[in-house]
Amino acid sequence: MSREKALEAIKILKKEYPKTKYYLDFSSPLELLVAAILSAQCRDEVVNSVTKNLFKKYKTARDYANAKGLENDIKSITFFKNKARNIKEACRVIAEKYNGRVPDIIEELTQLPGIGRKTANAILINAFDKIVGIVVDTHVIRLSQRLGWTKEKNPDKIEKDLMDLIPKQDWRIITYLLKDHGRAVCRAPVPTCSQCKLRNLCPKIGVTKKL
């Protein structure tokens, strides 16, 4: 897809989802880091339900690092054992190396257990208002491929293609827009193309069945 068509698609999505926003609840960088680790392959609603009580119980990185019952606190989350281990270890590093403060540099964030580039971007954008990349989640991958914005399958390569195509002022919002549209219309595996406001722009790459 040309840059011109991509910009038109973004304009349409902004009009379609005027109240789009980040989907995890948090009130500090540490809370977002924890929520973001929990959110991998887990519905946002479940994460927000769990963190509502979790954030009342644990206040500092040291609290998480020393937590004895963290697994039980997050047992309704997918892969809760691995995520509990990653949270405890990441918070141990934050407490010992960064004096309890979540780092705001992507190279430092991605060195923490459970934090890949997608999660690091989410933390930087939403907790620190630092935009150095685009959060590439499953919705972004699916829709950007269908729209012809990328031919790549690797998330890091997809991110690079999107950063080349999309103006930097839209790097924050594009993830929210594609997630909203992916949930409402461009679902997996069968999109509702007949109701899609992008149907005249979208080449529907990889779509074998549609409604």
N, C-alpha and C. Protein backbone atom coordinates (compact mmCIF):
# COMPACT_ATOMS: atom_id res chain seq x y z
N MET A 1 0.84 -1.19 0.00
CA MET A 1 0.00 0.00 0.00
C MET A 1 0.88 1.25 0.00
N SER A 2 0.49 2.24 -0.78
CA SER A 2 1.23 3.48 -0.84
C SER A 2 1.06 4.26 0.46
N ARG A 3 1.99 5.18 0.71
CA ARG A 3 1.90 6.02 1.90
C ARG A 3 0.61 6.83 1.87
N GLU A 4 0.21 7.29 0.69
CA GLU A 4 -1.01 8.08 0.57
C GLU A 4 -2.23 7.28 1.00
N LYS A 5 -2.32 6.03 0.56
CA LYS A 5 -3.45 5.18 0.93
C LYS A 5 -3.40 4.82 2.42
N ALA A 6 -2.20 4.61 2.93
CA ALA A 6 -2.05 4.31 4.36
C ALA A 6 -2.55 5.48 5.21
N LEU A 7 -2.19 6.70 4.80
CA LEU A 7 -2.65 7.88 5.53
C LEU A 7 -4.16 8.02 5.46
N GLU A 8 -4.74 7.68 4.33
CA GLU A 8 -6.20 7.74 4.19
C GLU A 8 -6.86 6.70 5.10
N ALA A 9 -6.26 5.51 5.17
CA ALA A 9 -6.79 4.46 6.04
C ALA A 9 -6.74 4.90 7.51
N ILE A 10 -5.64 5.51 7.91
CA ILE A 10 -5.50 5.98 9.29
C ILE A 10 -6.53 7.06 9.59
N LYS A 11 -6.75 7.94 8.64
CA LYS A 11 -7.74 9.01 8.80
C LYS A 11 -9.14 8.41 9.02
N ILE A 12 -9.46 7.38 8.25
CA ILE A 12 -10.77 6.72 8.38
C ILE A 12 -10.88 6.04 9.74
N LEU A 13 -9.83 5.37 10.17
CA LEU A 13 -9.86 4.68 11.46
C LEU A 13 -10.00 5.65 12.62
N LYS A 14 -9.35 6.81 12.52
CA LYS A 14 -9.49 7.83 13.57
C LYS A 14 -10.93 8.30 13.69
N LYS A 15 -11.60 8.43 12.55
CA LYS A 15 -13.00 8.86 12.56
C LYS A 15 -13.90 7.75 13.10
N GLU A 16 -13.54 6.51 12.79
CA GLU A 16 -14.35 5.36 13.21
C GLU A 16 -14.20 5.07 14.70
N TYR A 17 -13.00 5.32 15.24
CA TYR A 17 -12.74 5.02 16.65
C TYR A 17 -12.19 6.27 17.35
N PRO A 18 -13.02 7.28 17.52
CA PRO A 18 -12.56 8.56 18.08
C PRO A 18 -12.15 8.47 19.55
N LYS A 19 -12.60 7.46 20.27
CA LYS A 19 -12.29 7.33 21.69
C LYS A 19 -11.24 6.26 21.96
N THR A 20 -10.52 5.86 20.91
CA THR A 20 -9.51 4.82 21.09
C THR A 20 -8.48 5.23 22.13
N LYS A 21 -8.00 4.26 22.91
CA LYS A 21 -7.01 4.55 23.96
C LYS A 21 -6.28 3.27 24.34
N TYR A 22 -5.26 3.45 25.16
CA TYR A 22 -4.51 2.29 25.65
C TYR A 22 -5.42 1.45 26.52
N TYR A 23 -5.19 0.16 26.51
CA TYR A 23 -6.17 -0.79 27.04
C TYR A 23 -5.85 -1.37 28.40
N LEU A 24 -4.65 -1.14 28.94
CA LEU A 24 -4.32 -1.65 30.27
C LEU A 24 -4.42 -0.53 31.31
N ASP A 25 -4.95 -0.87 32.48
CA ASP A 25 -5.09 0.11 33.56
C ASP A 25 -3.79 0.18 34.37
N PHE A 26 -3.32 1.38 34.67
CA PHE A 26 -2.11 1.55 35.48
C PHE A 26 -2.04 3.00 35.94
N SER A 27 -1.23 3.24 36.98
CA SER A 27 -1.05 4.61 37.46
C SER A 27 0.42 4.96 37.68
N SER A 28 1.32 4.05 37.28
CA SER A 28 2.75 4.31 37.41
C SER A 28 3.50 3.43 36.42
N PRO A 29 4.75 3.77 36.10
CA PRO A 29 5.54 2.92 35.20
C PRO A 29 5.68 1.49 35.72
N LEU A 30 5.84 1.32 37.03
CA LEU A 30 5.97 -0.03 37.58
C LEU A 30 4.68 -0.82 37.39
N GLU A 31 3.55 -0.20 37.63
CA GLU A 31 2.27 -0.89 37.41
C GLU A 31 2.11 -1.29 35.95
N LEU A 32 2.50 -0.41 35.05
CA LEU A 32 2.38 -0.75 33.63
C LEU A 32 3.32 -1.89 33.26
N LEU A 33 4.52 -1.88 33.79
CA LEU A 33 5.45 -2.97 33.51
C LEU A 33 4.86 -4.31 33.93
N VAL A 34 4.30 -4.36 35.12
CA VAL A 34 3.68 -5.59 35.62
C VAL A 34 2.50 -5.99 34.74
N ALA A 35 1.62 -5.04 34.46
CA ALA A 35 0.44 -5.32 33.65
C ALA A 35 0.83 -5.78 32.24
N ALA A 36 1.85 -5.16 31.69
CA ALA A 36 2.28 -5.51 30.33
C ALA A 36 2.85 -6.92 30.27
N ILE A 37 3.59 -7.32 31.29
CA ILE A 37 4.10 -8.69 31.34
C ILE A 37 2.93 -9.67 31.44
N LEU A 38 1.95 -9.34 32.26
CA LEU A 38 0.79 -10.22 32.43
C LEU A 38 -0.06 -10.31 31.16
N SER A 39 -0.01 -9.29 30.31
CA SER A 39 -0.93 -9.21 29.17
C SER A 39 -0.57 -10.11 28.00
N ALA A 40 0.64 -10.67 27.99
CA ALA A 40 1.04 -11.53 26.87
C ALA A 40 0.10 -12.72 26.74
N GLN A 41 -0.53 -12.85 25.58
CA GLN A 41 -1.46 -13.95 25.29
C GLN A 41 -2.57 -14.06 26.34
N CYS A 42 -3.02 -12.90 26.79
CA CYS A 42 -4.10 -12.86 27.78
C CYS A 42 -4.99 -11.66 27.49
N ARG A 43 -6.29 -11.81 27.65
CA ARG A 43 -7.23 -10.73 27.35
C ARG A 43 -7.04 -9.56 28.33
N ASP A 44 -7.15 -8.37 27.79
CA ASP A 44 -6.94 -7.16 28.59
C ASP A 44 -7.90 -7.11 29.77
N GLU A 45 -9.13 -7.54 29.55
CA GLU A 45 -10.14 -7.50 30.62
C GLU A 45 -9.72 -8.35 31.81
N VAL A 46 -9.11 -9.50 31.52
CA VAL A 46 -8.65 -10.38 32.60
C VAL A 46 -7.49 -9.74 33.35
N VAL A 47 -6.56 -9.16 32.60
CA VAL A 47 -5.41 -8.48 33.22
C VAL A 47 -5.88 -7.34 34.12
N ASN A 48 -6.76 -6.50 33.62
CA ASN A 48 -7.25 -5.36 34.41
C ASN A 48 -8.00 -5.81 35.65
N SER A 49 -8.69 -6.93 35.55
CA SER A 49 -9.40 -7.46 36.71
C SER A 49 -8.43 -7.93 37.79
N VAL A 50 -7.35 -8.58 37.36
CA VAL A 50 -6.35 -9.09 38.30
C VAL A 50 -5.53 -7.95 38.92
N THR A 51 -5.11 -7.00 38.10
CA THR A 51 -4.24 -5.93 38.62
C THR A 51 -4.97 -4.97 39.55
N LYS A 52 -6.29 -4.95 39.48
CA LYS A 52 -7.06 -4.07 40.36
C LYS A 52 -6.71 -4.35 41.83
N ASN A 53 -6.62 -5.62 42.18
CA ASN A 53 -6.24 -6.00 43.55
C ASN A 53 -4.74 -6.10 43.72
N LEU A 54 -4.05 -6.52 42.66
CA LEU A 54 -2.60 -6.70 42.74
C LEU A 54 -1.90 -5.40 43.06
N PHE A 55 -2.34 -4.32 42.44
CA PHE A 55 -1.69 -3.02 42.65
C PHE A 55 -1.94 -2.46 44.04
N LYS A 56 -2.98 -2.95 44.72
CA LYS A 56 -3.23 -2.54 46.09
C LYS A 56 -2.29 -3.27 47.06
N LYS A 57 -1.91 -4.47 46.66
CA LYS A 57 -1.10 -5.33 47.53
C LYS A 57 0.39 -5.04 47.42
N TYR A 58 0.85 -4.78 46.19
CA TYR A 58 2.28 -4.55 45.95
C TYR A 58 2.49 -3.13 45.43
N LYS A 59 3.34 -2.39 46.10
CA LYS A 59 3.53 -0.97 45.78
C LYS A 59 4.88 -0.65 45.14
N THR A 60 5.91 -1.43 45.47
CA THR A 60 7.26 -1.13 45.00
C THR A 60 7.86 -2.33 44.28
N ALA A 61 8.94 -2.07 43.57
CA ALA A 61 9.65 -3.15 42.89
C ALA A 61 10.13 -4.19 43.90
N ARG A 62 10.57 -3.70 45.07
CA ARG A 62 11.04 -4.62 46.12
C ARG A 62 9.89 -5.50 46.62
N ASP A 63 8.68 -4.94 46.69
CA ASP A 63 7.51 -5.73 47.10
C ASP A 63 7.32 -6.92 46.17
N TYR A 64 7.40 -6.68 44.87
CA TYR A 64 7.23 -7.76 43.89
C TYR A 64 8.39 -8.74 43.96
N ALA A 65 9.60 -8.22 44.09
CA ALA A 65 10.78 -9.08 44.13
C ALA A 65 10.73 -10.05 45.30
N ASN A 66 10.17 -9.61 46.43
CA ASN A 66 10.11 -10.43 47.64
C ASN A 66 8.79 -11.15 47.82
N ALA A 67 7.88 -11.01 46.88
CA ALA A 67 6.54 -11.58 47.02
C ALA A 67 6.57 -13.10 47.15
N LYS A 68 5.86 -13.62 48.11
CA LYS A 68 5.80 -15.07 48.33
C LYS A 68 4.59 -15.70 47.63
N GLY A 69 3.49 -14.93 47.55
CA GLY A 69 2.26 -15.51 47.00
C GLY A 69 1.86 -14.95 45.66
N LEU A 70 2.84 -14.46 44.88
CA LEU A 70 2.51 -13.81 43.62
C LEU A 70 1.82 -14.76 42.64
N GLU A 71 2.29 -15.99 42.56
CA GLU A 71 1.66 -16.96 41.66
C GLU A 71 0.18 -17.11 41.96
N ASN A 72 -0.15 -17.21 43.22
CA ASN A 72 -1.55 -17.37 43.62
C ASN A 72 -2.36 -16.11 43.31
N ASP A 73 -1.72 -14.95 43.41
CA ASP A 73 -2.40 -13.68 43.13
C ASP A 73 -2.76 -13.53 41.66
N ILE A 74 -2.01 -14.19 40.78
CA ILE A 74 -2.24 -14.02 39.34
C ILE A 74 -2.62 -15.33 38.66
N LYS A 75 -3.13 -16.29 39.40
CA LYS A 75 -3.35 -17.64 38.86
C LYS A 75 -4.42 -17.69 37.77
N SER A 76 -5.25 -16.66 37.65
CA SER A 76 -6.24 -16.64 36.56
C SER A 76 -5.65 -16.15 35.25
N ILE A 77 -4.39 -15.73 35.28
CA ILE A 77 -3.69 -15.25 34.09
C ILE A 77 -3.03 -16.43 33.37
N THR A 78 -3.03 -16.42 32.06
CA THR A 78 -2.35 -17.46 31.30
C THR A 78 -0.85 -17.47 31.61
N PHE A 79 -0.28 -18.69 31.69
CA PHE A 79 1.15 -18.86 31.96
C PHE A 79 1.58 -18.11 33.23
N PHE A 80 0.75 -18.19 34.26
CA PHE A 80 0.98 -17.37 35.45
C PHE A 80 2.29 -17.70 36.17
N LYS A 81 2.74 -18.94 36.09
CA LYS A 81 3.98 -19.31 36.78
C LYS A 81 5.18 -18.61 36.14
N ASN A 82 5.26 -18.67 34.82
CA ASN A 82 6.36 -18.00 34.11
C ASN A 82 6.30 -16.49 34.31
N LYS A 83 5.09 -15.94 34.25
CA LYS A 83 4.94 -14.50 34.39
C LYS A 83 5.28 -14.03 35.81
N ALA A 84 4.91 -14.82 36.80
CA ALA A 84 5.27 -14.48 38.18
C ALA A 84 6.78 -14.46 38.34
N ARG A 85 7.44 -15.45 37.74
CA ARG A 85 8.91 -15.51 37.81
C ARG A 85 9.54 -14.30 37.12
N ASN A 86 9.02 -13.95 35.95
CA ASN A 86 9.57 -12.79 35.22
C ASN A 86 9.35 -11.48 35.97
N ILE A 87 8.17 -11.32 36.55
CA ILE A 87 7.88 -10.11 37.31
C ILE A 87 8.81 -9.98 38.50
N LYS A 88 8.98 -11.07 39.24
CA LYS A 88 9.84 -11.04 40.42
C LYS A 88 11.29 -10.73 40.05
N GLU A 89 11.78 -11.36 38.99
CA GLU A 89 13.17 -11.15 38.60
C GLU A 89 13.37 -9.75 38.01
N ALA A 90 12.43 -9.30 37.16
CA ALA A 90 12.54 -7.95 36.60
C ALA A 90 12.52 -6.91 37.71
N CYS A 91 11.66 -7.10 38.69
CA CYS A 91 11.57 -6.14 39.79
C CYS A 91 12.78 -6.21 40.71
N ARG A 92 13.39 -7.39 40.82
CA ARG A 92 14.62 -7.49 41.59
C ARG A 92 15.72 -6.64 40.94
N VAL A 93 15.83 -6.74 39.61
CA VAL A 93 16.82 -5.95 38.88
C VAL A 93 16.52 -4.45 39.03
N ILE A 94 15.24 -4.09 38.90
CA ILE A 94 14.84 -2.68 39.03
C ILE A 94 15.18 -2.15 40.43
N ALA A 95 14.91 -2.96 41.44
CA ALA A 95 15.19 -2.53 42.82
C ALA A 95 16.68 -2.38 43.07
N GLU A 96 17.48 -3.31 42.55
CA GLU A 96 18.91 -3.32 42.85
C GLU A 96 19.73 -2.44 41.91
N LYS A 97 19.38 -2.43 40.64
CA LYS A 97 20.20 -1.71 39.66
C LYS A 97 19.70 -0.30 39.39
N TYR A 98 18.37 -0.12 39.49
CA TYR A 98 17.79 1.18 39.12
C TYR A 98 17.11 1.89 40.29
N ASN A 99 17.46 1.47 41.51
CA ASN A 99 16.95 2.12 42.72
C ASN A 99 15.43 2.15 42.77
N GLY A 100 14.82 1.10 42.23
CA GLY A 100 13.36 0.97 42.31
C GLY A 100 12.59 1.66 41.21
N ARG A 101 13.30 2.33 40.30
CA ARG A 101 12.63 3.07 39.23
C ARG A 101 12.72 2.31 37.91
N VAL A 102 11.63 2.21 37.21
CA VAL A 102 11.62 1.53 35.92
C VAL A 102 12.45 2.35 34.93
N PRO A 103 13.40 1.72 34.24
CA PRO A 103 14.22 2.48 33.28
C PRO A 103 13.37 2.96 32.10
N ASP A 104 13.78 4.08 31.51
CA ASP A 104 13.03 4.65 30.41
C ASP A 104 13.84 4.66 29.11
N ILE A 105 14.74 3.69 28.99
CA ILE A 105 15.54 3.50 27.78
C ILE A 105 15.26 2.11 27.25
N ILE A 106 14.96 2.00 25.96
CA ILE A 106 14.50 0.73 25.41
C ILE A 106 15.54 -0.37 25.55
N GLU A 107 16.82 -0.02 25.40
CA GLU A 107 17.88 -1.03 25.52
C GLU A 107 17.95 -1.60 26.94
N GLU A 108 17.64 -0.79 27.92
CA GLU A 108 17.65 -1.25 29.31
C GLU A 108 16.38 -2.05 29.63
N LEU A 109 15.26 -1.59 29.12
CA LEU A 109 14.01 -2.31 29.36
C LEU A 109 14.05 -3.72 28.77
N THR A 110 14.57 -3.85 27.57
CA THR A 110 14.57 -5.16 26.91
C THR A 110 15.57 -6.13 27.53
N GLN A 111 16.39 -5.66 28.46
CA GLN A 111 17.28 -6.56 29.18
C GLN A 111 16.57 -7.20 30.38
N LEU A 112 15.40 -6.69 30.72
CA LEU A 112 14.66 -7.22 31.87
C LEU A 112 13.91 -8.49 31.48
N PRO A 113 13.80 -9.46 32.37
CA PRO A 113 13.05 -10.68 32.08
C PRO A 113 11.60 -10.39 31.73
N GLY A 114 11.10 -11.04 30.68
CA GLY A 114 9.70 -10.87 30.29
C GLY A 114 9.41 -9.63 29.48
N ILE A 115 10.44 -8.84 29.16
CA ILE A 115 10.24 -7.60 28.42
C ILE A 115 10.91 -7.69 27.04
N GLY A 116 10.10 -7.83 26.01
CA GLY A 116 10.59 -7.77 24.65
C GLY A 116 10.39 -6.37 24.10
N ARG A 117 10.66 -6.21 22.82
CA ARG A 117 10.56 -4.87 22.22
C ARG A 117 9.12 -4.35 22.25
N LYS A 118 8.14 -5.23 22.01
CA LYS A 118 6.74 -4.80 22.03
C LYS A 118 6.37 -4.22 23.39
N THR A 119 6.70 -4.95 24.45
CA THR A 119 6.38 -4.51 25.80
C THR A 119 7.15 -3.26 26.17
N ALA A 120 8.41 -3.20 25.77
CA ALA A 120 9.23 -2.02 26.07
C ALA A 120 8.64 -0.78 25.39
N ASN A 121 8.22 -0.92 24.15
CA ASN A 121 7.59 0.21 23.46
C ASN A 121 6.32 0.66 24.18
N ALA A 122 5.52 -0.30 24.63
CA ALA A 122 4.28 0.03 25.34
C ALA A 122 4.57 0.81 26.62
N ILE A 123 5.60 0.40 27.34
CA ILE A 123 5.98 1.09 28.58
C ILE A 123 6.48 2.50 28.28
N LEU A 124 7.36 2.61 27.31
CA LEU A 124 7.93 3.92 26.97
C LEU A 124 6.85 4.90 26.51
N ILE A 125 5.97 4.42 25.63
CA ILE A 125 4.93 5.29 25.07
C ILE A 125 3.93 5.72 26.13
N ASN A 126 3.43 4.76 26.89
CA ASN A 126 2.30 5.04 27.77
C ASN A 126 2.68 5.49 29.18
N ALA A 127 3.87 5.12 29.64
CA ALA A 127 4.29 5.54 30.98
C ALA A 127 5.22 6.75 30.95
N PHE A 128 5.99 6.88 29.87
CA PHE A 128 6.99 7.95 29.82
C PHE A 128 6.77 8.93 28.67
N ASP A 129 5.78 8.68 27.84
CA ASP A 129 5.51 9.54 26.68
C ASP A 129 6.74 9.63 25.77
N LYS A 130 7.46 8.54 25.67
CA LYS A 130 8.63 8.46 24.79
C LYS A 130 8.29 7.53 23.62
N ILE A 131 8.33 8.07 22.42
CA ILE A 131 7.94 7.29 21.25
C ILE A 131 9.16 7.04 20.38
N VAL A 132 9.67 5.82 20.47
CA VAL A 132 10.83 5.44 19.67
C VAL A 132 10.49 4.29 18.71
N GLY A 133 9.25 3.80 18.79
CA GLY A 133 8.82 2.70 17.94
C GLY A 133 7.33 2.51 18.01
N ILE A 134 6.86 1.40 17.47
CA ILE A 134 5.43 1.07 17.41
C ILE A 134 5.20 -0.26 18.12
N VAL A 135 4.17 -0.33 18.93
CA VAL A 135 3.82 -1.57 19.61
C VAL A 135 3.17 -2.51 18.59
N VAL A 136 3.82 -3.63 18.34
CA VAL A 136 3.33 -4.60 17.35
C VAL A 136 2.76 -5.81 18.07
N ASP A 137 1.42 -5.81 18.24
CA ASP A 137 0.75 -6.95 18.87
C ASP A 137 0.09 -7.80 17.79
N THR A 138 -0.69 -8.79 18.19
CA THR A 138 -1.28 -9.72 17.22
C THR A 138 -2.23 -9.01 16.26
N HIS A 139 -2.97 -8.02 16.75
CA HIS A 139 -3.89 -7.29 15.88
C HIS A 139 -3.12 -6.47 14.85
N VAL A 140 -2.05 -5.81 15.30
CA VAL A 140 -1.23 -5.01 14.39
C VAL A 140 -0.61 -5.90 13.31
N ILE A 141 -0.13 -7.07 13.70
CA ILE A 141 0.45 -8.01 12.73
C ILE A 141 -0.58 -8.41 11.69
N ARG A 142 -1.75 -8.85 12.15
CA ARG A 142 -2.78 -9.34 11.24
C ARG A 142 -3.27 -8.26 10.28
N LEU A 143 -3.60 -7.09 10.84
CA LEU A 143 -4.17 -6.03 10.00
C LEU A 143 -3.15 -5.40 9.07
N SER A 144 -1.93 -5.22 9.54
CA SER A 144 -0.92 -4.60 8.68
C SER A 144 -0.57 -5.51 7.50
N GLN A 145 -0.67 -6.81 7.71
CA GLN A 145 -0.45 -7.75 6.60
C GLN A 145 -1.63 -7.72 5.63
N ARG A 146 -2.84 -7.74 6.14
CA ARG A 146 -4.02 -7.70 5.28
C ARG A 146 -4.11 -6.41 4.49
N LEU A 147 -3.69 -5.32 5.10
CA LEU A 147 -3.73 -4.01 4.44
C LEU A 147 -2.61 -3.82 3.42
N GLY A 148 -1.64 -4.73 3.45
CA GLY A 148 -0.51 -4.58 2.54
C GLY A 148 0.53 -3.60 3.03
N TRP A 149 0.52 -3.32 4.34
CA TRP A 149 1.50 -2.39 4.91
C TRP A 149 2.84 -3.09 5.12
N THR A 150 2.84 -4.40 5.15
CA THR A 150 4.07 -5.18 5.31
C THR A 150 3.87 -6.56 4.72
N LYS A 151 4.97 -7.16 4.31
CA LYS A 151 4.97 -8.55 3.86
C LYS A 151 5.68 -9.44 4.87
N GLU A 152 6.19 -8.81 5.91
CA GLU A 152 6.99 -9.52 6.91
C GLU A 152 6.11 -10.28 7.91
N LYS A 153 6.71 -11.27 8.56
CA LYS A 153 6.04 -12.02 9.61
C LYS A 153 6.70 -11.78 10.97
N ASN A 154 7.97 -11.42 10.95
CA ASN A 154 8.69 -11.13 12.18
C ASN A 154 8.25 -9.78 12.73
N PRO A 155 7.84 -9.71 14.01
CA PRO A 155 7.34 -8.46 14.59
C PRO A 155 8.31 -7.28 14.48
N ASP A 156 9.60 -7.54 14.66
CA ASP A 156 10.58 -6.45 14.58
C ASP A 156 10.67 -5.89 13.17
N LYS A 157 10.57 -6.77 12.18
CA LYS A 157 10.62 -6.32 10.78
C LYS A 157 9.32 -5.61 10.40
N ILE A 158 8.21 -6.10 10.95
CA ILE A 158 6.92 -5.43 10.72
C ILE A 158 6.97 -4.02 11.30
N GLU A 159 7.51 -3.91 12.51
CA GLU A 159 7.63 -2.59 13.14
C GLU A 159 8.43 -1.64 12.26
N LYS A 160 9.53 -2.12 11.70
CA LYS A 160 10.36 -1.26 10.86
C LYS A 160 9.58 -0.79 9.62
N ASP A 161 8.84 -1.71 9.00
CA ASP A 161 8.04 -1.34 7.82
C ASP A 161 7.00 -0.28 8.20
N LEU A 162 6.35 -0.45 9.34
CA LEU A 162 5.33 0.51 9.76
C LEU A 162 5.94 1.86 10.10
N MET A 163 7.11 1.85 10.71
CA MET A 163 7.78 3.10 11.05
C MET A 163 8.19 3.86 9.79
N ASP A 164 8.51 3.12 8.73
CA ASP A 164 8.86 3.76 7.45
C ASP A 164 7.63 4.31 6.73
N LEU A 165 6.48 3.66 6.97
CA LEU A 165 5.26 4.01 6.25
C LEU A 165 4.42 5.08 6.95
N ILE A 166 4.37 5.00 8.28
CA ILE A 166 3.44 5.82 9.06
C ILE A 166 4.18 7.01 9.69
N PRO A 167 3.62 8.20 9.62
CA PRO A 167 4.25 9.38 10.25
C PRO A 167 4.41 9.17 11.76
N LYS A 168 5.50 9.69 12.30
CA LYS A 168 5.81 9.45 13.71
C LYS A 168 4.71 9.94 14.64
N GLN A 169 3.98 10.98 14.25
CA GLN A 169 2.94 11.48 15.14
C GLN A 169 1.79 10.48 15.33
N ASP A 170 1.75 9.46 14.47
CA ASP A 170 0.71 8.44 14.58
C ASP A 170 1.23 7.11 15.13
N TRP A 171 2.50 7.06 15.50
CA TRP A 171 3.06 5.80 16.01
C TRP A 171 2.37 5.34 17.28
N ARG A 172 1.97 6.28 18.14
CA ARG A 172 1.29 5.90 19.38
C ARG A 172 -0.10 5.34 19.10
N ILE A 173 -0.87 6.06 18.32
CA ILE A 173 -2.28 5.74 18.17
C ILE A 173 -2.54 4.58 17.22
N ILE A 174 -1.61 4.28 16.32
CA ILE A 174 -1.89 3.27 15.31
C ILE A 174 -2.17 1.90 15.94
N THR A 175 -1.47 1.58 17.02
CA THR A 175 -1.72 0.29 17.69
C THR A 175 -3.13 0.23 18.25
N TYR A 176 -3.58 1.32 18.88
CA TYR A 176 -4.92 1.34 19.46
C TYR A 176 -5.98 1.23 18.35
N LEU A 177 -5.78 1.95 17.26
CA LEU A 177 -6.75 1.93 16.15
C LEU A 177 -6.85 0.54 15.53
N LEU A 178 -5.71 -0.08 15.28
CA LEU A 178 -5.73 -1.41 14.65
C LEU A 178 -6.29 -2.45 15.61
N LYS A 179 -6.03 -2.29 16.90
CA LYS A 179 -6.59 -3.23 17.88
C LYS A 179 -8.12 -3.09 17.92
N ASP A 180 -8.63 -1.86 17.98
CA ASP A 180 -10.07 -1.65 17.99
C ASP A 180 -10.72 -2.21 16.73
N HIS A 181 -10.10 -1.95 15.59
CA HIS A 181 -10.66 -2.42 14.31
C HIS A 181 -10.55 -3.94 14.19
N GLY A 182 -9.47 -4.48 14.72
CA GLY A 182 -9.28 -5.93 14.69
C GLY A 182 -10.29 -6.67 15.55
N ARG A 183 -10.69 -6.06 16.64
CA ARG A 183 -11.70 -6.66 17.50
C ARG A 183 -13.10 -6.51 16.93
N ALA A 184 -13.37 -5.36 16.33
CA ALA A 184 -14.73 -5.06 15.88
C ALA A 184 -15.06 -5.62 14.50
N VAL A 185 -14.10 -5.57 13.59
CA VAL A 185 -14.39 -5.88 12.19
C VAL A 185 -13.39 -6.86 11.56
N CYS A 186 -12.12 -6.52 11.64
CA CYS A 186 -11.09 -7.31 10.94
C CYS A 186 -10.58 -8.44 11.83
N ARG A 187 -11.53 -9.30 12.20
CA ARG A 187 -11.22 -10.35 13.16
C ARG A 187 -10.49 -11.53 12.51
N ALA A 188 -9.91 -12.35 13.36
CA ALA A 188 -9.29 -13.60 12.92
C ALA A 188 -10.22 -14.74 13.32
N PRO A 189 -10.39 -15.74 12.42
CA PRO A 189 -9.77 -15.84 11.10
C PRO A 189 -10.62 -15.23 9.98
N VAL A 190 -11.88 -14.86 10.31
CA VAL A 190 -12.79 -14.40 9.25
C VAL A 190 -13.19 -12.94 9.50
N PRO A 191 -12.70 -12.02 8.69
CA PRO A 191 -13.07 -10.61 8.86
C PRO A 191 -14.44 -10.30 8.27
N THR A 192 -15.07 -9.26 8.80
CA THR A 192 -16.37 -8.82 8.28
C THR A 192 -16.12 -7.68 7.29
N CYS A 193 -15.64 -8.05 6.12
CA CYS A 193 -15.24 -7.05 5.12
C CYS A 193 -16.42 -6.21 4.62
N SER A 194 -17.62 -6.79 4.64
CA SER A 194 -18.79 -6.06 4.14
C SER A 194 -19.12 -4.85 5.00
N GLN A 195 -18.66 -4.85 6.27
CA GLN A 195 -18.93 -3.74 7.18
C GLN A 195 -17.71 -2.84 7.39
N CYS A 196 -16.62 -3.13 6.66
CA CYS A 196 -15.36 -2.44 6.90
C CYS A 196 -15.28 -1.13 6.13
N LYS A 197 -14.96 -0.06 6.84
CA LYS A 197 -14.83 1.25 6.22
C LYS A 197 -13.56 1.35 5.35
N LEU A 198 -12.69 0.36 5.48
CA LEU A 198 -11.46 0.36 4.70
C LEU A 198 -11.54 -0.57 3.48
N ARG A 199 -12.73 -1.12 3.22
CA ARG A 199 -12.83 -2.17 2.20
C ARG A 199 -12.40 -1.70 0.80
N ASN A 200 -12.56 -0.42 0.50
CA ASN A 200 -12.15 0.06 -0.82
C ASN A 200 -10.65 0.36 -0.91
N LEU A 201 -10.00 0.40 0.25
CA LEU A 201 -8.55 0.64 0.29
C LEU A 201 -7.76 -0.64 0.51
N CYS A 202 -8.38 -1.61 1.13
CA CYS A 202 -7.68 -2.81 1.60
C CYS A 202 -7.58 -3.88 0.51
N PRO A 203 -6.37 -4.38 0.24
CA PRO A 203 -6.21 -5.46 -0.74
C PRO A 203 -6.57 -6.83 -0.19
N LYS A 204 -6.86 -6.89 1.12
CA LYS A 204 -7.31 -8.13 1.77
C LYS A 204 -6.32 -9.28 1.57
N ILE A 205 -5.07 -8.98 1.74
CA ILE A 205 -4.02 -9.98 1.53
C ILE A 205 -4.12 -11.08 2.58
N GLY A 206 -4.15 -12.31 2.10
CA GLY A 206 -4.22 -13.46 2.99
C GLY A 206 -5.62 -13.82 3.44
N VAL A 207 -6.62 -13.03 3.08
CA VAL A 207 -8.00 -13.31 3.46
C VAL A 207 -8.58 -14.35 2.49
N THR A 208 -8.95 -15.50 3.02
CA THR A 208 -9.51 -16.57 2.18
C THR A 208 -11.02 -16.70 2.35
N LYS A 209 -11.51 -16.19 3.47
CA LYS A 209 -12.95 -16.23 3.73
C LYS A 209 -13.35 -14.96 4.44
N LYS A 210 -14.45 -14.36 4.04
CA LYS A 210 -14.87 -13.11 4.66
C LYS A 210 -16.38 -13.04 4.73
N LEU A 211 -16.87 -12.16 5.59
CA LEU A 211 -18.30 -11.96 5.75
C LEU A 211 -18.69 -10.62 5.16
